[in-house]
Amino acid sequence: MSPTEKDRPRPPLACYWIQEPDGTRWLVPGCMARMHDADLDACTCARLTEQLEQARKERDQAQRAHDGLRAWTDAIIAAVHAHPDGTKIMKDAAERAARR
């Protein structure tokens, strides 16, 4: 990676233009509309509010999945502790985890 590339800010998640030191400009398309026609004024990239809404949906979905796994893990731990050999099983599991 050249020093010029390192110094460039991260591109947005939408169409953007790059200007080279010699003044040449080129489009980095983020949507199919601009990919087919770089001079098109109407970019169809998701706006920041749309991206934020999508990110929140994905975060909420991940949180629900995590909560479900947490409940499942808690149920397994409770079942193991209720087992007559529960302490031995938990000790063995801790030793196995430490070896990873």
N, C-alpha and C. Protein backbone atom coordinates (compact mmCIF):
# COMPACT_ATOMS: atom_id res chain seq x y z
N MET A 1 0.86 -1.17 0.00
CA MET A 1 0.00 0.00 0.00
C MET A 1 0.90 1.23 0.00
N SER A 2 0.67 2.14 -0.92
CA SER A 2 1.49 3.34 -1.02
C SER A 2 1.15 4.33 0.08
N PRO A 3 2.07 5.25 0.40
CA PRO A 3 1.78 6.25 1.43
C PRO A 3 0.55 7.08 1.10
N THR A 4 0.32 7.33 -0.18
CA THR A 4 -0.85 8.11 -0.59
C THR A 4 -2.13 7.36 -0.22
N GLU A 5 -2.13 6.05 -0.45
CA GLU A 5 -3.32 5.25 -0.13
C GLU A 5 -3.57 5.20 1.37
N LYS A 6 -2.52 5.12 2.17
CA LYS A 6 -2.67 5.08 3.62
C LYS A 6 -3.27 6.38 4.15
N ASP A 7 -2.91 7.50 3.54
CA ASP A 7 -3.35 8.81 4.02
C ASP A 7 -4.78 9.14 3.62
N ARG A 8 -5.30 8.42 2.66
CA ARG A 8 -6.66 8.70 2.21
C ARG A 8 -7.65 8.30 3.29
N PRO A 9 -8.70 9.11 3.46
CA PRO A 9 -9.74 8.71 4.42
C PRO A 9 -10.47 7.49 3.90
N ARG A 10 -11.05 6.72 4.81
CA ARG A 10 -11.84 5.57 4.39
C ARG A 10 -13.00 6.05 3.55
N PRO A 11 -13.27 5.36 2.46
CA PRO A 11 -14.38 5.79 1.61
C PRO A 11 -15.72 5.55 2.28
N PRO A 12 -16.69 6.37 1.92
CA PRO A 12 -18.03 6.15 2.45
C PRO A 12 -18.63 4.90 1.81
N LEU A 13 -19.71 4.43 2.36
CA LEU A 13 -20.37 3.26 1.80
C LEU A 13 -21.34 3.68 0.71
N ALA A 14 -20.84 4.51 -0.18
CA ALA A 14 -21.64 5.01 -1.28
C ALA A 14 -20.68 5.40 -2.40
N CYS A 15 -21.21 5.84 -3.52
CA CYS A 15 -20.37 6.29 -4.62
C CYS A 15 -19.50 7.46 -4.17
N TYR A 16 -18.29 7.48 -4.65
CA TYR A 16 -17.42 8.62 -4.35
C TYR A 16 -16.37 8.75 -5.46
N TRP A 17 -15.81 9.94 -5.55
CA TRP A 17 -14.80 10.24 -6.55
C TRP A 17 -13.44 10.29 -5.89
N ILE A 18 -12.43 9.81 -6.60
CA ILE A 18 -11.03 9.88 -6.18
C ILE A 18 -10.34 10.86 -7.12
N GLN A 19 -9.56 11.76 -6.56
CA GLN A 19 -8.78 12.66 -7.40
C GLN A 19 -7.31 12.35 -7.20
N GLU A 20 -6.64 12.04 -8.30
CA GLU A 20 -5.23 11.72 -8.26
C GLU A 20 -4.42 13.02 -8.20
N PRO A 21 -3.15 12.92 -7.81
CA PRO A 21 -2.30 14.12 -7.74
C PRO A 21 -2.21 14.87 -9.06
N ASP A 22 -2.34 14.16 -10.18
CA ASP A 22 -2.26 14.84 -11.48
C ASP A 22 -3.58 15.50 -11.88
N GLY A 23 -4.59 15.41 -11.00
CA GLY A 23 -5.87 16.04 -11.28
C GLY A 23 -6.91 15.12 -11.91
N THR A 24 -6.49 13.93 -12.28
CA THR A 24 -7.42 12.97 -12.87
C THR A 24 -8.42 12.52 -11.81
N ARG A 25 -9.69 12.44 -12.19
CA ARG A 25 -10.73 11.98 -11.27
C ARG A 25 -11.33 10.69 -11.80
N TRP A 26 -11.66 9.79 -10.89
CA TRP A 26 -12.36 8.58 -11.28
C TRP A 26 -13.35 8.21 -10.21
N LEU A 27 -14.43 7.64 -10.67
CA LEU A 27 -15.54 7.29 -9.80
C LEU A 27 -15.36 5.88 -9.25
N VAL A 28 -15.59 5.74 -7.96
CA VAL A 28 -15.66 4.42 -7.35
C VAL A 28 -17.14 4.20 -7.07
N PRO A 29 -17.79 3.42 -7.92
CA PRO A 29 -19.23 3.26 -7.75
C PRO A 29 -19.59 2.39 -6.56
N GLY A 30 -20.64 2.78 -5.89
CA GLY A 30 -21.15 2.01 -4.77
C GLY A 30 -22.51 1.44 -5.08
N CYS A 31 -23.07 1.79 -6.23
CA CYS A 31 -24.39 1.28 -6.61
C CYS A 31 -24.37 0.91 -8.09
N MET A 32 -25.30 0.09 -8.46
CA MET A 32 -25.36 -0.39 -9.84
C MET A 32 -25.71 0.74 -10.81
N ALA A 33 -26.52 1.68 -10.38
CA ALA A 33 -26.92 2.78 -11.27
C ALA A 33 -25.69 3.55 -11.74
N ARG A 34 -24.81 3.93 -10.82
CA ARG A 34 -23.62 4.69 -11.18
C ARG A 34 -22.58 3.81 -11.85
N MET A 35 -22.62 2.51 -11.60
CA MET A 35 -21.68 1.61 -12.25
C MET A 35 -21.95 1.57 -13.75
N HIS A 36 -23.23 1.62 -14.11
CA HIS A 36 -23.60 1.58 -15.52
C HIS A 36 -23.47 2.93 -16.19
N ASP A 37 -23.62 4.02 -15.42
CA ASP A 37 -23.52 5.36 -15.98
C ASP A 37 -22.92 6.30 -14.93
N ALA A 38 -21.61 6.52 -15.03
CA ALA A 38 -20.91 7.33 -14.03
C ALA A 38 -21.39 8.77 -13.99
N ASP A 39 -21.96 9.25 -15.10
CA ASP A 39 -22.42 10.64 -15.15
C ASP A 39 -23.83 10.81 -14.59
N LEU A 40 -24.45 9.72 -14.21
CA LEU A 40 -25.80 9.77 -13.67
C LEU A 40 -25.81 10.58 -12.37
N ASP A 41 -26.73 11.53 -12.26
CA ASP A 41 -26.80 12.36 -11.06
C ASP A 41 -27.45 11.63 -9.90
N ALA A 42 -28.35 10.73 -10.19
CA ALA A 42 -29.12 10.06 -9.13
C ALA A 42 -28.39 8.79 -8.67
N CYS A 43 -27.64 8.91 -7.62
CA CYS A 43 -26.97 7.76 -7.00
C CYS A 43 -28.04 6.99 -6.22
N THR A 44 -28.03 5.68 -6.35
CA THR A 44 -29.03 4.87 -5.64
C THR A 44 -28.44 4.19 -4.40
N CYS A 45 -27.26 4.65 -3.96
CA CYS A 45 -26.66 4.09 -2.74
C CYS A 45 -27.56 4.40 -1.54
N ALA A 46 -27.50 3.50 -0.58
CA ALA A 46 -28.27 3.71 0.65
C ALA A 46 -27.74 4.95 1.36
N ARG A 47 -28.63 5.78 1.82
CA ARG A 47 -28.24 6.98 2.56
C ARG A 47 -27.85 6.58 3.98
N LEU A 48 -27.21 7.51 4.67
CA LEU A 48 -26.73 7.22 6.01
C LEU A 48 -27.86 6.76 6.93
N THR A 49 -29.02 7.38 6.83
CA THR A 49 -30.15 6.97 7.69
C THR A 49 -30.58 5.54 7.37
N GLU A 50 -30.56 5.18 6.10
CA GLU A 50 -30.92 3.81 5.71
C GLU A 50 -29.87 2.82 6.21
N GLN A 51 -28.59 3.19 6.10
CA GLN A 51 -27.52 2.33 6.57
C GLN A 51 -27.61 2.14 8.09
N LEU A 52 -27.92 3.24 8.79
CA LEU A 52 -28.05 3.17 10.24
C LEU A 52 -29.22 2.27 10.64
N GLU A 53 -30.33 2.41 9.94
CA GLU A 53 -31.50 1.57 10.22
C GLU A 53 -31.16 0.10 9.99
N GLN A 54 -30.46 -0.20 8.90
CA GLN A 54 -30.07 -1.58 8.60
C GLN A 54 -29.10 -2.10 9.67
N ALA A 55 -28.16 -1.27 10.09
CA ALA A 55 -27.21 -1.69 11.12
C ALA A 55 -27.93 -1.97 12.43
N ARG A 56 -28.91 -1.16 12.76
CA ARG A 56 -29.67 -1.39 13.99
C ARG A 56 -30.45 -2.70 13.92
N LYS A 57 -31.03 -2.98 12.75
CA LYS A 57 -31.76 -4.25 12.58
C LYS A 57 -30.82 -5.44 12.77
N GLU A 58 -29.63 -5.34 12.17
CA GLU A 58 -28.66 -6.43 12.28
C GLU A 58 -28.18 -6.58 13.73
N ARG A 59 -27.96 -5.45 14.41
CA ARG A 59 -27.55 -5.50 15.82
C ARG A 59 -28.64 -6.15 16.66
N ASP A 60 -29.90 -5.76 16.44
CA ASP A 60 -31.01 -6.34 17.20
C ASP A 60 -31.13 -7.84 16.95
N GLN A 61 -30.94 -8.25 15.70
CA GLN A 61 -31.00 -9.67 15.36
C GLN A 61 -29.87 -10.43 16.07
N ALA A 62 -28.67 -9.86 16.06
CA ALA A 62 -27.54 -10.49 16.74
C ALA A 62 -27.79 -10.56 18.25
N GLN A 63 -28.39 -9.52 18.81
CA GLN A 63 -28.68 -9.51 20.24
C GLN A 63 -29.69 -10.60 20.59
N ARG A 64 -30.73 -10.76 19.75
CA ARG A 64 -31.71 -11.82 20.00
C ARG A 64 -31.06 -13.20 19.93
N ALA A 65 -30.16 -13.38 18.96
CA ALA A 65 -29.46 -14.66 18.84
C ALA A 65 -28.59 -14.89 20.07
N HIS A 66 -27.90 -13.86 20.51
CA HIS A 66 -27.06 -13.97 21.70
C HIS A 66 -27.90 -14.30 22.92
N ASP A 67 -29.02 -13.62 23.08
CA ASP A 67 -29.90 -13.88 24.22
C ASP A 67 -30.39 -15.31 24.22
N GLY A 68 -30.73 -15.83 23.04
CA GLY A 68 -31.18 -17.21 22.93
C GLY A 68 -30.08 -18.19 23.31
N LEU A 69 -28.87 -17.92 22.84
CA LEU A 69 -27.74 -18.78 23.20
C LEU A 69 -27.43 -18.70 24.69
N ARG A 70 -27.56 -17.50 25.25
CA ARG A 70 -27.30 -17.33 26.69
C ARG A 70 -28.30 -18.16 27.50
N ALA A 71 -29.57 -18.11 27.10
CA ALA A 71 -30.60 -18.89 27.80
C ALA A 71 -30.29 -20.39 27.67
N TRP A 72 -29.89 -20.82 26.48
CA TRP A 72 -29.56 -22.23 26.25
C TRP A 72 -28.36 -22.64 27.12
N THR A 73 -27.34 -21.81 27.14
CA THR A 73 -26.15 -22.09 27.95
C THR A 73 -26.50 -22.17 29.43
N ASP A 74 -27.31 -21.23 29.90
CA ASP A 74 -27.73 -21.25 31.32
C ASP A 74 -28.50 -22.53 31.65
N ALA A 75 -29.34 -22.97 30.70
CA ALA A 75 -30.11 -24.20 30.93
C ALA A 75 -29.19 -25.42 30.99
N ILE A 76 -28.19 -25.46 30.13
CA ILE A 76 -27.24 -26.58 30.14
C ILE A 76 -26.45 -26.59 31.45
N ILE A 77 -25.98 -25.42 31.87
CA ILE A 77 -25.21 -25.34 33.12
C ILE A 77 -26.07 -25.79 34.30
N ALA A 78 -27.32 -25.36 34.33
CA ALA A 78 -28.22 -25.76 35.42
C ALA A 78 -28.43 -27.28 35.40
N ALA A 79 -28.58 -27.86 34.21
CA ALA A 79 -28.78 -29.30 34.10
C ALA A 79 -27.54 -30.06 34.57
N VAL A 80 -26.36 -29.55 34.20
CA VAL A 80 -25.12 -30.21 34.63
C VAL A 80 -24.98 -30.14 36.14
N HIS A 81 -25.25 -28.96 36.72
CA HIS A 81 -25.14 -28.81 38.17
C HIS A 81 -26.15 -29.71 38.90
N ALA A 82 -27.28 -29.99 38.30
CA ALA A 82 -28.29 -30.85 38.92
C ALA A 82 -27.89 -32.32 38.84
N HIS A 83 -26.97 -32.66 37.96
CA HIS A 83 -26.52 -34.03 37.80
C HIS A 83 -25.66 -34.43 39.01
N PRO A 84 -25.76 -35.70 39.42
CA PRO A 84 -24.95 -36.14 40.58
C PRO A 84 -23.44 -35.91 40.40
N ASP A 85 -22.96 -36.00 39.17
CA ASP A 85 -21.53 -35.77 38.90
C ASP A 85 -21.29 -34.36 38.35
N GLY A 86 -22.19 -33.44 38.61
CA GLY A 86 -22.13 -32.09 38.04
C GLY A 86 -20.84 -31.35 38.32
N THR A 87 -20.36 -31.42 39.55
CA THR A 87 -19.12 -30.71 39.91
C THR A 87 -17.94 -31.28 39.13
N LYS A 88 -17.89 -32.61 39.02
CA LYS A 88 -16.81 -33.26 38.26
C LYS A 88 -16.88 -32.87 36.78
N ILE A 89 -18.09 -32.85 36.24
CA ILE A 89 -18.27 -32.49 34.82
C ILE A 89 -17.83 -31.04 34.59
N MET A 90 -18.21 -30.13 35.48
CA MET A 90 -17.84 -28.72 35.32
C MET A 90 -16.33 -28.54 35.44
N LYS A 91 -15.69 -29.27 36.35
CA LYS A 91 -14.24 -29.20 36.52
C LYS A 91 -13.56 -29.69 35.25
N ASP A 92 -14.04 -30.79 34.69
CA ASP A 92 -13.48 -31.33 33.45
C ASP A 92 -13.66 -30.34 32.30
N ALA A 93 -14.81 -29.70 32.24
CA ALA A 93 -15.05 -28.71 31.18
C ALA A 93 -14.10 -27.52 31.32
N ALA A 94 -13.87 -27.07 32.55
CA ALA A 94 -12.95 -25.95 32.78
C ALA A 94 -11.53 -26.32 32.36
N GLU A 95 -11.10 -27.55 32.67
CA GLU A 95 -9.77 -27.99 32.27
C GLU A 95 -9.64 -28.07 30.76
N ARG A 96 -10.67 -28.56 30.10
CA ARG A 96 -10.65 -28.64 28.63
C ARG A 96 -10.57 -27.24 28.01
N ALA A 97 -11.32 -26.32 28.57
CA ALA A 97 -11.31 -24.95 28.07
C ALA A 97 -9.94 -24.31 28.25
N ALA A 98 -9.28 -24.61 29.35
CA ALA A 98 -7.96 -24.04 29.63
C ALA A 98 -6.91 -24.55 28.64
N ARG A 99 -7.11 -25.76 28.12
CA ARG A 99 -6.15 -26.34 27.18
C ARG A 99 -6.28 -25.76 25.77
N ARG A 100 -7.36 -25.09 25.50
CA ARG A 100 -7.59 -24.54 24.14
C ARG A 100 -6.68 -23.44 23.86
